[in-house]
């Protein structure tokens, strides 16, 4: 076994018995050795663990189910995202997982989700592979050695990617299953080797539990400025949360998941899970460096079989290539993962239509509207079956991970913005000059960085604005280091009339999408929706 402080523990309380060797709380060197020796992974020229995940190179949200019981019946927002199953289905799959682990080695990690000691979740992750345990070790918060003896988890993940379900015969949809039981405090994951399912399943648990504790869970990155001013960045995968928050001039708190409590904001995680397709050493030096060092896990990154050099430009396996590394691999990161209440709230959207301004200032009512709308584009590879950018609306910029009704999270954001006076921004990191795949080009990272920096340092907050003619957004007249024509999306199109038609199409989609939320917001929020300026 691993760490002697935990050898007295066993897995019988989780229904696992007759196992092979149990490896508890191993460090990155041992986990790397095991992964290489067992043929699970290869080593890059720079020492990173390189793995492929087969058919699943992204999440399978349609295969995620929650046990419907007396507690969840009235608290979960049931539907296509939060799909119900009976406890009998969970118990049957639990029995299959138990049988699957008979005679197999198990890698066990005890960890925390949540940097704030008042609100953290104790998590145990059991995996059949060493590399996926290293992934979890990178992503979650590693407890100090003195916290490990007697560690009792609040939630446990039993991870069995080699076990496939039998679809309808097992009461699920396909060979893949992600099953959550809040009463048993357990998650079962099988049929997929994509490690992102591990991290996102715990995020979903926090999104369910924390609102009852007065904490707003958020799908966002966060950082702190030189003056102690914190900022949060909402956005789905591929919209730039990781890239924009890993700014050398500011201290990184975290790149994906945070909570906002009465004390301020805090990171849920202890690591980063960055998209690395076409990663540029010049444009994103911190993430590039973290992707080229020992201790990092690289998912589906193409590597030369002889030189072991990485080809970050290759999408041969997927567009959703990933690097998973501890957060301290990024220079200038927060030591405690906590900060005060945010001064700026940034909402990132990858506009596949190419019509939204690259940056605009939002009123509190507009912020509520755009938070509930969650407009962006699904980027190729982040979900199974998505092969090109698709316009979509993901409420709260994280609908797949939100078990409660969106209005719960929306109201928490509205209340916090009002109480703490945060300035809100909508930033389009998507396309300009045309639709994605039809003449549009992705916004230059250098321009987006310049606009975000100007917003956070107060420059844009004091700048004159003009109301956008299509969406009623307040667009700054100028921004340092950004050409003025970039700020006006209509001018970037070769055909202004085509822009107007496309903008009108997107407005219609916004309006149709927001109809289910109208009963949950007041008239000021409805009036702040996208509208053509008078």
Protein backbone atom coordinates (compact mmCIF):
# COMPACT_ATOMS: atom_id res chain seq x y z
CA UNK A 1 0.00 0.00 0.00
CA UNK A 2 0.96 3.66 -0.20
CA UNK A 3 1.12 6.23 2.57
CA UNK A 4 1.48 4.47 5.93
CA UNK A 5 -0.77 7.08 7.54
CA UNK A 6 -3.71 5.67 5.63
CA UNK A 7 -2.95 1.94 5.49
CA UNK A 8 -5.42 1.18 8.27
CA UNK A 9 -8.18 2.37 5.99
CA UNK A 10 -10.04 0.08 3.64
CA UNK A 11 -12.79 0.32 1.05
CA UNK A 12 -15.35 -2.03 2.54
CA UNK A 13 -17.51 0.93 3.58
CA UNK A 14 -17.91 1.64 -0.15
CA UNK A 15 -18.79 -1.96 -0.91
CA UNK A 16 -15.40 -2.88 -2.35
CA UNK A 17 -13.81 -6.12 -1.18
CA UNK A 18 -11.52 -8.87 -2.47
CA UNK A 19 -9.38 -6.31 -4.26
CA UNK A 20 -5.87 -6.65 -5.56
CA UNK A 21 -3.31 -4.19 -4.20
CA UNK A 22 -4.68 -0.95 -2.76
CA UNK A 23 -2.52 2.13 -3.32
CA UNK A 24 -3.45 4.99 -0.99
CA UNK A 25 -2.51 8.64 -1.51
CA UNK A 26 0.52 8.08 -3.73
CA UNK A 27 2.58 11.04 -4.90
CA UNK A 28 3.16 12.04 -8.52
CA UNK A 29 6.45 10.15 -8.91
CA UNK A 30 4.98 6.80 -7.85
CA UNK A 31 1.78 7.33 -9.81
CA UNK A 32 3.82 8.17 -12.90
CA UNK A 33 5.97 5.06 -12.44
CA UNK A 34 2.88 2.88 -12.05
CA UNK A 35 1.17 4.40 -15.10
CA UNK A 36 4.22 3.79 -17.30
CA UNK A 37 4.92 0.30 -15.93
CA UNK A 38 1.29 -0.76 -16.39
CA UNK A 39 1.18 0.50 -19.98
CA UNK A 40 -1.46 3.12 -19.22
CA UNK A 41 0.60 6.07 -20.44
CA UNK A 42 3.77 7.23 -22.14
CA UNK A 43 6.28 9.83 -21.03
CA UNK A 44 6.90 12.98 -23.05
CA UNK A 45 10.36 14.38 -23.67
CA UNK A 46 9.70 16.89 -20.91
CA UNK A 47 8.40 14.35 -18.39
CA UNK A 48 4.62 14.79 -18.72
CA UNK A 49 2.33 11.74 -18.63
CA UNK A 50 0.68 11.36 -22.06
CA UNK A 51 -2.54 9.33 -22.35
CA UNK A 52 -5.29 8.67 -24.87
CA UNK A 53 -8.90 8.18 -23.83
CA UNK A 54 -10.25 6.26 -26.81
CA UNK A 55 -13.77 6.91 -28.03
CA UNK A 56 -14.52 9.48 -25.33
CA UNK A 57 -12.44 12.63 -25.77
CA UNK A 58 -15.02 14.83 -24.03
CA UNK A 59 -17.83 14.58 -21.52
CA UNK A 60 -20.99 12.54 -22.10
CA UNK A 61 -23.67 14.76 -20.51
CA UNK A 62 -26.51 12.61 -21.83
CA UNK A 63 -25.20 9.69 -19.75
CA UNK A 64 -25.35 11.53 -16.41
CA UNK A 65 -28.18 10.63 -14.03
CA UNK A 66 -29.19 11.61 -10.48
CA UNK A 67 -31.05 9.34 -8.07
CA UNK A 68 -34.55 10.68 -7.59
CA UNK A 69 -35.62 10.37 -3.95
CA UNK A 70 -37.49 12.26 -1.26
CA UNK A 71 -34.76 14.89 -0.92
CA UNK A 72 -33.98 15.51 -4.59
CA UNK A 73 -37.59 15.28 -5.83
CA UNK A 74 -38.32 18.95 -5.18
CA UNK A 75 -34.79 20.41 -5.22
CA UNK A 76 -33.34 19.18 -8.53
CA UNK A 77 -34.36 20.83 -11.80
CA UNK A 78 -35.31 17.61 -13.59
CA UNK A 79 -35.13 17.48 -17.37
CA UNK A 80 -32.78 16.72 -20.24
CA UNK A 81 -29.75 17.86 -18.21
CA UNK A 82 -30.62 16.45 -14.79
CA UNK A 83 -32.05 13.07 -15.68
CA UNK A 84 -33.61 10.94 -12.94
CA UNK A 85 -33.02 7.28 -12.14
CA UNK A 86 -34.46 5.06 -9.44
CA UNK A 87 -32.24 3.98 -6.57
CA UNK A 88 -32.65 0.39 -7.76
CA UNK A 89 -30.75 1.31 -10.94
CA UNK A 90 -27.97 2.89 -8.91
CA UNK A 91 -27.77 -0.09 -6.57
CA UNK A 92 -27.59 -2.53 -9.47
CA UNK A 93 -24.78 -0.59 -11.12
CA UNK A 94 -23.03 -0.28 -7.77
CA UNK A 95 -23.12 -4.07 -7.52
CA UNK A 96 -21.62 -4.33 -11.00
CA UNK A 97 -18.83 -1.92 -10.02
CA UNK A 98 -18.16 -3.97 -6.87
CA UNK A 99 -17.90 -7.16 -8.92
CA UNK A 100 -15.71 -5.43 -11.50
CA UNK A 101 -13.16 -4.43 -8.85
CA UNK A 102 -12.79 -8.00 -7.51
CA UNK A 103 -9.14 -8.92 -7.90
CA UNK A 104 -8.21 -5.55 -9.40
CA UNK A 105 -5.74 -3.05 -8.02
CA UNK A 106 -7.27 0.18 -6.73
CA UNK A 107 -5.72 3.64 -6.50
CA UNK A 108 -7.25 5.72 -3.72
CA UNK A 109 -6.97 9.47 -3.23
CA UNK A 110 -8.25 11.44 -0.25
CA UNK A 111 -8.61 15.10 -1.12
CA UNK A 112 -10.58 18.31 -0.67
CA UNK A 113 -12.90 20.19 -3.01
CA UNK A 114 -12.99 23.79 -1.80
CA UNK A 115 -10.19 26.01 -0.52
CA UNK A 116 -12.33 27.62 2.17
CA UNK A 117 -12.20 25.35 5.26
CA UNK A 118 -15.72 26.46 6.19
CA UNK A 119 -17.21 25.13 2.95
CA UNK A 120 -14.92 22.41 1.62
CA UNK A 121 -16.01 18.89 0.73
CA UNK A 122 -13.95 15.87 1.73
CA UNK A 123 -13.68 13.65 -1.34
CA UNK A 124 -12.38 10.13 -1.89
CA UNK A 125 -11.57 9.08 -5.47
CA UNK A 126 -11.08 5.39 -6.25
CA UNK A 127 -9.68 4.64 -9.71
CA UNK A 128 -8.56 1.49 -11.50
CA UNK A 129 -5.68 3.32 -13.21
CA UNK A 130 -2.71 5.20 -11.82
CA UNK A 131 -2.90 8.02 -14.38
CA UNK A 132 -6.49 8.89 -13.52
CA UNK A 133 -5.55 9.00 -9.85
CA UNK A 134 -2.73 11.40 -10.77
CA UNK A 135 -5.29 13.46 -12.67
CA UNK A 136 -7.49 13.65 -9.57
CA UNK A 137 -4.48 14.46 -7.40
CA UNK A 138 -3.63 17.37 -9.69
CA UNK A 139 -7.19 18.67 -9.91
CA UNK A 140 -8.31 18.53 -6.30
CA UNK A 141 -6.73 20.03 -3.18
CA UNK A 142 -4.12 17.84 -1.52
CA UNK A 143 -4.59 17.66 2.26
CA UNK A 144 -1.52 18.05 4.48
CA UNK A 145 -0.20 14.74 5.81
CA UNK A 146 -1.62 15.38 9.26
CA UNK A 147 -5.16 15.48 7.83
CA UNK A 148 -5.00 11.99 6.28
CA UNK A 149 -5.25 9.70 9.33
CA UNK A 150 -8.91 9.01 9.97
CA UNK A 151 -10.00 10.85 6.81
CA UNK A 152 -13.74 10.25 6.35
CA UNK A 153 -15.08 11.38 2.96
CA UNK A 154 -18.24 13.42 2.49
CA UNK A 155 -18.50 12.07 -1.06
CA UNK A 156 -16.86 9.17 -2.88
CA UNK A 157 -16.23 8.52 -6.57
CA UNK A 158 -15.93 4.91 -7.72
CA UNK A 159 -14.30 5.15 -11.14
CA UNK A 160 -14.38 2.13 -13.44
CA UNK A 161 -13.78 3.25 -17.04
CA UNK A 162 -13.21 -0.34 -18.17
CA UNK A 163 -16.72 -1.36 -17.09
CA UNK A 164 -19.38 -0.78 -19.73
CA UNK A 165 -23.09 -0.61 -19.02
CA UNK A 166 -25.66 -2.56 -21.01
CA UNK A 167 -27.82 0.43 -21.87
CA UNK A 168 -31.53 -0.04 -21.26
CA UNK A 169 -30.91 -3.42 -19.63
CA UNK A 170 -29.07 -1.57 -16.85
CA UNK A 171 -31.57 1.31 -16.81
CA UNK A 172 -29.21 3.79 -18.47
CA UNK A 173 -28.84 5.20 -21.97
CA UNK A 174 -25.65 3.64 -23.33
CA UNK A 175 -22.44 1.87 -22.37
CA UNK A 176 -21.36 4.98 -20.43
CA UNK A 177 -22.74 5.95 -17.02
CA UNK A 178 -22.23 8.80 -14.55
CA UNK A 179 -24.60 8.16 -11.65
CA UNK A 180 -24.98 10.45 -8.62
CA UNK A 181 -26.66 9.50 -5.35
CA UNK A 182 -26.84 12.39 -2.90
CA UNK A 183 -28.24 10.21 -0.13
CA UNK A 184 -25.47 7.59 -0.40
CA UNK A 185 -22.98 10.39 -1.10
CA UNK A 186 -21.50 8.41 -3.96
CA UNK A 187 -20.80 8.78 -7.69
CA UNK A 188 -20.32 5.87 -10.09
CA UNK A 189 -18.45 6.51 -13.35
CA UNK A 190 -17.90 3.88 -16.02
CA UNK A 191 -17.62 3.30 -19.74
CA UNK A 192 -15.50 6.41 -20.36
CA UNK A 193 -11.80 7.05 -19.79
CA UNK A 194 -12.15 10.82 -20.20
CA UNK A 195 -10.93 12.08 -16.82
CA UNK A 196 -12.91 15.31 -17.02
CA UNK A 197 -15.92 13.29 -15.81
CA UNK A 198 -14.21 12.99 -12.41
CA UNK A 199 -13.74 16.70 -11.87
CA UNK A 200 -17.12 17.77 -13.28
CA UNK A 201 -19.06 15.22 -11.24
CA UNK A 202 -17.76 16.77 -8.01
CA UNK A 203 -18.50 20.24 -9.39
CA UNK A 204 -22.11 19.14 -9.87
CA UNK A 205 -22.24 17.93 -6.27
CA UNK A 206 -20.99 21.30 -4.99
CA UNK A 207 -23.49 23.10 -7.20
CA UNK A 208 -26.24 21.17 -5.46
CA UNK A 209 -25.01 21.38 -1.86
CA UNK A 210 -23.58 24.88 -1.52
CA UNK A 211 -26.64 27.09 -2.20
CA UNK A 212 -28.23 25.71 0.97
CA UNK A 213 -25.15 26.97 2.82
CA UNK A 214 -25.40 30.47 1.37
CA UNK A 215 -22.57 29.93 -1.11
CA UNK A 216 -22.95 30.60 -4.84
CA UNK A 217 -21.12 27.95 -6.90
CA UNK A 218 -19.74 29.32 -10.16
CA UNK A 219 -18.29 27.93 -13.40
CA UNK A 220 -15.62 30.58 -13.61
CA UNK A 221 -11.93 31.37 -13.32
CA UNK A 222 -10.66 34.05 -10.94
CA UNK A 223 -7.61 36.16 -10.24
CA UNK A 224 -6.42 39.05 -8.05
CA UNK A 225 -4.86 42.34 -9.13
CA UNK A 226 -1.89 44.13 -7.54
CA UNK A 227 -4.24 46.20 -5.40
CA UNK A 228 -6.03 43.14 -4.05
CA UNK A 229 -8.98 43.54 -6.42
CA UNK A 230 -10.38 40.19 -7.48
CA UNK A 231 -12.15 39.37 -10.74
CA UNK A 232 -14.17 36.37 -11.88
CA UNK A 233 -14.55 35.07 -15.44
CA UNK A 234 -17.66 33.08 -16.34
CA UNK A 235 -17.58 30.91 -19.44
CA UNK A 236 -17.90 27.43 -20.87
CA UNK A 237 -14.97 25.34 -22.09
CA UNK A 238 -13.15 26.99 -24.94
CA UNK A 239 -14.24 30.55 -24.18
CA UNK A 240 -10.95 31.60 -22.59
CA UNK A 241 -11.39 31.26 -18.82
CA UNK A 242 -8.04 29.56 -18.35
CA UNK A 243 -6.16 31.72 -20.85
CA UNK A 244 -7.44 35.08 -19.61
CA UNK A 245 -7.14 34.35 -15.91
CA UNK A 246 -3.54 33.11 -16.25
CA UNK A 247 -2.24 36.65 -16.66
CA UNK A 248 1.27 37.23 -15.31
CA UNK A 249 0.29 40.69 -14.06
CA UNK A 250 -2.34 39.23 -11.72
CA UNK A 251 -2.38 36.42 -9.16
CA UNK A 252 -4.31 33.34 -10.28
CA UNK A 253 -6.86 31.95 -7.83
CA UNK A 254 -8.18 29.21 -10.10
CA UNK A 255 -9.15 28.51 -13.69
CA UNK A 256 -12.58 26.84 -13.66
CA UNK A 257 -14.65 26.45 -10.48
CA UNK A 258 -15.22 28.80 -7.53
CA UNK A 259 -17.61 29.64 -4.73
CA UNK A 260 -18.80 33.09 -3.61
CA UNK A 261 -19.58 33.13 0.10
CA UNK A 262 -20.18 35.85 2.67
CA UNK A 263 -16.39 36.09 3.01
CA UNK A 264 -15.53 36.43 -0.67
CA UNK A 265 -14.54 33.95 -3.36
CA UNK A 266 -12.61 30.68 -3.11
CA UNK A 267 -11.32 28.05 -5.51
CA UNK A 268 -12.91 24.61 -5.55
CA UNK A 269 -9.84 23.00 -7.07
CA UNK A 270 -6.11 22.58 -6.61
CA UNK A 271 -5.21 22.38 -10.28
CA UNK A 272 -5.94 23.47 -13.84
CA UNK A 273 -7.43 21.60 -16.79
CA UNK A 274 -6.42 23.66 -19.79
CA UNK A 275 -7.28 23.19 -23.44
CA UNK A 276 -3.98 23.04 -25.32
CA UNK A 277 -4.97 22.69 -28.97
CA UNK A 278 -2.78 25.09 -30.96
CA UNK A 279 -1.28 26.37 -27.70
CA UNK A 280 1.23 29.11 -28.39
CA UNK A 281 4.36 29.51 -26.29
CA UNK A 282 4.40 33.19 -27.21
CA UNK A 283 0.73 33.96 -26.50
CA UNK A 284 0.25 31.66 -23.48
CA UNK A 285 3.70 31.07 -21.98
CA UNK A 286 2.52 30.02 -18.51
CA UNK A 287 0.17 27.28 -19.74
CA UNK A 288 2.69 26.18 -22.37
CA UNK A 289 5.40 25.77 -19.74
CA UNK A 290 3.06 23.87 -17.40
CA UNK A 291 2.24 21.48 -20.25
CA UNK A 292 5.92 20.63 -20.67
CA UNK A 293 6.93 19.39 -17.24
CA UNK A 294 6.89 16.35 -15.00
CA UNK A 295 3.68 15.88 -13.01
CA UNK A 296 1.37 17.11 -15.77
CA UNK A 297 -1.16 14.77 -17.39
CA UNK A 298 -1.77 15.34 -21.11
CA UNK A 299 -4.98 13.90 -22.53
CA UNK A 300 -5.12 13.06 -26.24
CA UNK A 301 -2.14 15.25 -27.14
CA UNK A 302 -0.29 13.96 -30.20
CA UNK A 303 3.36 13.05 -29.54
CA UNK A 304 6.17 11.84 -31.77
CA UNK A 305 6.68 8.16 -30.84
CA UNK A 306 10.47 8.40 -31.12
CA UNK A 307 11.49 11.88 -29.95
CA UNK A 308 8.53 12.16 -27.55
CA UNK A 309 8.12 15.80 -28.55
CA UNK A 310 4.58 17.16 -28.39
CA UNK A 311 2.59 18.36 -31.40
CA UNK A 312 0.16 20.79 -29.79
CA UNK A 313 -1.14 21.91 -33.20
CA UNK A 314 -2.45 18.47 -34.07
CA UNK A 315 -6.15 17.67 -33.72
CA UNK A 316 -5.61 14.11 -34.97
CA UNK A 317 -7.25 12.64 -31.85
CA UNK A 318 -9.54 15.54 -30.90
CA UNK A 319 -9.83 19.30 -30.76
CA UNK A 320 -10.30 18.89 -27.01
CA UNK A 321 -6.68 18.18 -26.11
CA UNK A 322 -6.05 18.86 -22.42
CA UNK A 323 -3.30 19.47 -19.89
CA UNK A 324 -3.98 18.77 -16.22
CA UNK A 325 -1.48 20.16 -13.73
CA UNK A 326 -1.33 21.47 -10.15
CA UNK A 327 -2.18 25.14 -9.94
CA UNK A 328 1.25 26.02 -8.55
CA UNK A 329 2.73 25.06 -11.93
CA UNK A 330 1.49 28.52 -12.97
CA UNK A 331 3.67 31.37 -11.67
CA UNK A 332 2.10 33.87 -9.29
CA UNK A 333 -0.77 31.77 -7.95
CA UNK A 334 -2.69 32.32 -4.74
CA UNK A 335 -1.33 30.30 -1.83
CA UNK A 336 -4.68 29.83 -0.11
CA UNK A 337 -7.05 29.92 -3.11
CA UNK A 338 -9.18 32.65 -1.54
CA UNK A 339 -9.88 36.35 -2.14
CA UNK A 340 -12.30 39.14 -1.25
CA UNK A 341 -15.50 39.97 -3.08
CA UNK A 342 -14.92 40.54 -6.82
CA UNK A 343 -14.61 44.07 -8.13
CA UNK A 344 -15.22 42.92 -11.72
CA UNK A 345 -17.43 40.17 -13.13
CA UNK A 346 -16.55 39.14 -16.69
CA UNK A 347 -18.85 36.95 -18.81
CA UNK A 348 -17.07 35.26 -21.69
CA UNK A 349 -18.88 34.17 -24.82
CA UNK A 350 -17.50 32.61 -27.98
CA UNK A 351 -20.00 34.12 -30.42
CA UNK A 352 -20.20 31.78 -33.41
CA UNK A 353 -22.33 34.32 -35.30
CA UNK A 354 -19.56 36.94 -35.16
CA UNK A 355 -21.91 39.82 -34.31
CA UNK A 356 -21.44 40.60 -30.60
CA UNK A 357 -19.01 43.40 -29.63
CA UNK A 358 -15.63 42.16 -28.38
CA UNK A 359 -16.27 43.90 -25.04
CA UNK A 360 -19.21 45.76 -23.55
CA UNK A 361 -20.17 47.05 -20.12
CA UNK A 362 -23.31 45.58 -18.58
CA UNK A 363 -25.81 47.11 -16.23
CA UNK A 364 -26.75 44.87 -13.27
CA UNK A 365 -29.98 43.98 -15.10
CA UNK A 366 -28.11 43.12 -18.29
CA UNK A 367 -25.69 41.03 -16.25
CA UNK A 368 -28.58 39.01 -14.86
CA UNK A 369 -30.02 38.58 -18.35
CA UNK A 370 -26.78 37.38 -19.90
CA UNK A 371 -25.95 35.14 -16.95
CA UNK A 372 -29.27 33.34 -17.27
CA UNK A 373 -28.89 33.23 -21.06
CA UNK A 374 -25.34 31.88 -21.03
CA UNK A 375 -24.86 32.35 -24.76
CA UNK A 376 -21.73 30.87 -26.30
CA UNK A 377 -20.68 28.28 -28.86
CA UNK A 378 -19.93 24.68 -28.10
CA UNK A 379 -16.37 24.27 -29.26
CA UNK A 380 -15.39 21.16 -31.20
CA UNK A 381 -14.43 18.21 -29.00
CA UNK A 382 -15.58 19.44 -25.60
CA UNK A 383 -18.59 17.13 -25.81
CA UNK A 384 -19.01 13.87 -27.66
CA UNK A 385 -20.51 14.44 -31.11
CA UNK A 386 -19.61 18.14 -31.37
CA UNK A 387 -17.27 18.45 -34.36
CA UNK A 388 -17.63 22.14 -35.23
CA UNK A 389 -18.65 25.33 -33.40
CA UNK A 390 -22.37 25.39 -32.60
CA UNK A 391 -24.32 28.34 -31.21
CA UNK A 392 -25.92 27.38 -27.92
CA UNK A 393 -27.31 28.74 -24.68
CA UNK A 394 -26.04 27.24 -21.43
CA UNK A 395 -27.66 29.01 -18.52
CA UNK A 396 -25.31 30.31 -15.83
CA UNK A 397 -22.47 29.49 -18.25
CA UNK A 398 -22.57 25.95 -16.92
CA UNK A 399 -26.00 24.32 -17.39
CA UNK A 400 -24.60 20.74 -17.59
CA UNK A 401 -23.28 21.09 -14.04
CA UNK A 402 -26.21 22.87 -12.34
CA UNK A 403 -28.64 20.49 -10.57
CA UNK A 404 -30.90 23.25 -9.24
CA UNK A 405 -33.15 25.60 -11.19
CA UNK A 406 -31.14 28.35 -12.94
CA UNK A 407 -33.09 31.04 -11.08
CA UNK A 408 -31.45 29.86 -7.83
CA UNK A 409 -27.99 30.71 -9.15
CA UNK A 410 -29.19 33.79 -11.03
CA UNK A 411 -30.75 35.31 -7.94
CA UNK A 412 -27.61 34.63 -5.93
CA UNK A 413 -25.52 36.48 -8.54
CA UNK A 414 -27.94 39.41 -8.73
CA UNK A 415 -27.93 39.81 -4.96
CA UNK A 416 -24.13 39.69 -4.73
CA UNK A 417 -23.56 42.16 -7.55
CA UNK A 418 -25.97 44.58 -5.93
CA UNK A 419 -24.50 44.18 -2.45
CA UNK A 420 -20.84 44.49 -3.44
CA UNK A 421 -21.12 46.86 -6.41
CA UNK A 422 -19.19 44.76 -8.92
CA UNK A 423 -18.76 46.09 -12.48
CA UNK A 424 -19.91 43.58 -15.11
CA UNK A 425 -18.57 43.00 -18.61
CA UNK A 426 -19.53 40.84 -21.60
CA UNK A 427 -16.48 39.77 -23.61
CA UNK A 428 -16.72 38.04 -26.99
CA UNK A 429 -13.73 35.73 -27.46
CA UNK A 430 -15.37 34.16 -30.49
CA UNK A 431 -15.56 35.28 -34.07
CA UNK A 432 -15.44 38.62 -35.86
CA UNK A 433 -16.10 39.68 -39.44
CA UNK A 434 -18.49 36.81 -40.19
CA UNK A 435 -19.89 33.56 -38.90
CA UNK A 436 -17.62 30.76 -37.72
CA UNK A 437 -16.68 28.74 -40.77
CA UNK A 438 -18.15 31.29 -43.17
CA UNK A 439 -15.68 34.14 -43.37
CA UNK A 440 -15.32 34.95 -39.69
CA UNK A 441 -12.03 34.87 -37.83
CA UNK A 442 -11.44 34.09 -34.18
CA UNK A 443 -10.73 37.16 -32.07
CA UNK A 444 -7.01 37.69 -31.50
CA UNK A 445 -5.92 36.74 -28.00
CA UNK A 446 -3.72 39.83 -27.80
CA UNK A 447 -6.72 42.11 -28.38
CA UNK A 448 -8.88 40.27 -25.86
CA UNK A 449 -6.12 40.41 -23.24
CA UNK A 450 -5.73 44.15 -23.80
CA UNK A 451 -9.47 44.75 -23.44
CA UNK A 452 -9.76 42.64 -20.29
CA UNK A 453 -6.74 44.31 -18.69
CA UNK A 454 -8.21 47.74 -19.45
CA UNK A 455 -11.51 46.66 -17.91
CA UNK A 456 -9.90 45.32 -14.75
CA UNK A 457 -7.55 48.26 -14.18
CA UNK A 458 -10.44 50.75 -14.46
CA UNK A 459 -9.50 52.29 -17.81
CA UNK A 460 -12.64 51.13 -19.62
CA UNK A 461 -14.86 51.82 -16.64
CA UNK A 462 -14.11 55.51 -17.08
CA UNK A 463 -14.19 55.50 -20.90
CA UNK A 464 -17.06 57.00 -22.95
CA UNK A 465 -19.43 54.38 -24.37
CA UNK A 466 -21.88 54.09 -27.21
CA UNK A 467 -24.95 51.90 -27.24
CA UNK A 468 -24.62 49.07 -29.72
CA UNK A 469 -27.21 49.41 -32.46
CA UNK A 470 -28.26 45.75 -32.43
CA UNK A 471 -28.13 44.53 -28.84
CA UNK A 472 -28.35 47.61 -26.62
CA UNK A 473 -24.91 46.91 -25.15
CA UNK A 474 -22.61 49.71 -23.96
CA UNK A 475 -19.42 49.56 -26.03
CA UNK A 476 -16.31 51.63 -25.11
CA UNK A 477 -15.26 54.19 -27.71
CA UNK A 478 -11.60 53.22 -27.43
CA UNK A 479 -9.26 50.80 -25.68
CA UNK A 480 -5.47 50.93 -25.37
CA UNK A 481 -3.63 48.60 -27.76
CA UNK A 482 -6.81 47.69 -29.65
CA UNK A 483 -7.64 49.20 -33.07
CA UNK A 484 -10.85 51.22 -32.85
CA UNK A 485 -12.44 49.29 -35.74
CA UNK A 486 -12.11 46.05 -33.77
CA UNK A 487 -14.51 47.39 -31.12
CA UNK A 488 -17.34 47.81 -33.70
CA UNK A 489 -18.41 44.38 -34.99
CA UNK A 490 -20.48 45.70 -37.91
CA UNK A 491 -17.42 47.44 -39.36
CA UNK A 492 -15.49 44.17 -39.36
CA UNK A 493 -17.97 42.63 -41.81
CA UNK A 494 -17.44 43.23 -45.53
CA UNK A 495 -21.23 43.34 -45.95
CA UNK A 496 -23.00 45.52 -43.37
CA UNK A 497 -26.44 44.33 -44.42
CA UNK A 498 -25.39 40.72 -43.89
CA UNK A 499 -24.25 41.70 -40.41
CA UNK A 500 -27.65 43.27 -39.66
CA UNK A 501 -29.50 40.16 -40.81
CA UNK A 502 -27.25 37.85 -38.79
CA UNK A 503 -27.50 40.06 -35.70
CA UNK A 504 -31.28 39.98 -36.01
CA UNK A 505 -31.17 36.20 -36.20
CA UNK A 506 -29.13 36.01 -33.01
CA UNK A 507 -31.45 38.46 -31.22
CA UNK A 508 -34.34 36.17 -32.07
CA UNK A 509 -32.53 33.21 -30.57
CA UNK A 510 -31.84 35.17 -27.39
CA UNK A 511 -35.50 36.16 -27.08
CA UNK A 512 -36.77 32.63 -27.67
CA UNK A 513 -34.27 31.13 -25.23
CA UNK A 514 -35.18 33.58 -22.45
CA UNK A 515 -38.92 32.90 -22.45
CA UNK A 516 -38.71 30.13 -19.79
CA UNK A 517 -36.94 32.56 -17.42
CA UNK A 518 -39.36 35.47 -17.74
CA UNK A 519 -41.52 34.21 -14.89
CA UNK A 520 -38.50 34.21 -12.56
CA UNK A 521 -37.18 37.76 -13.15
CA UNK A 522 -38.62 41.23 -12.71
CA UNK A 523 -39.52 43.66 -15.48
CA UNK A 524 -36.19 45.49 -15.30
CA UNK A 525 -34.29 42.34 -16.25
CA UNK A 526 -36.70 41.53 -19.07
CA UNK A 527 -36.33 45.09 -20.37
CA UNK A 528 -32.52 44.72 -20.27
CA UNK A 529 -32.58 41.87 -22.76
CA UNK A 530 -31.07 42.10 -26.22
CA UNK A 531 -32.93 44.70 -28.24
CA UNK A 532 -32.29 46.89 -31.18
CA UNK A 533 -31.45 50.41 -30.01
CA UNK A 534 -34.00 53.07 -30.80
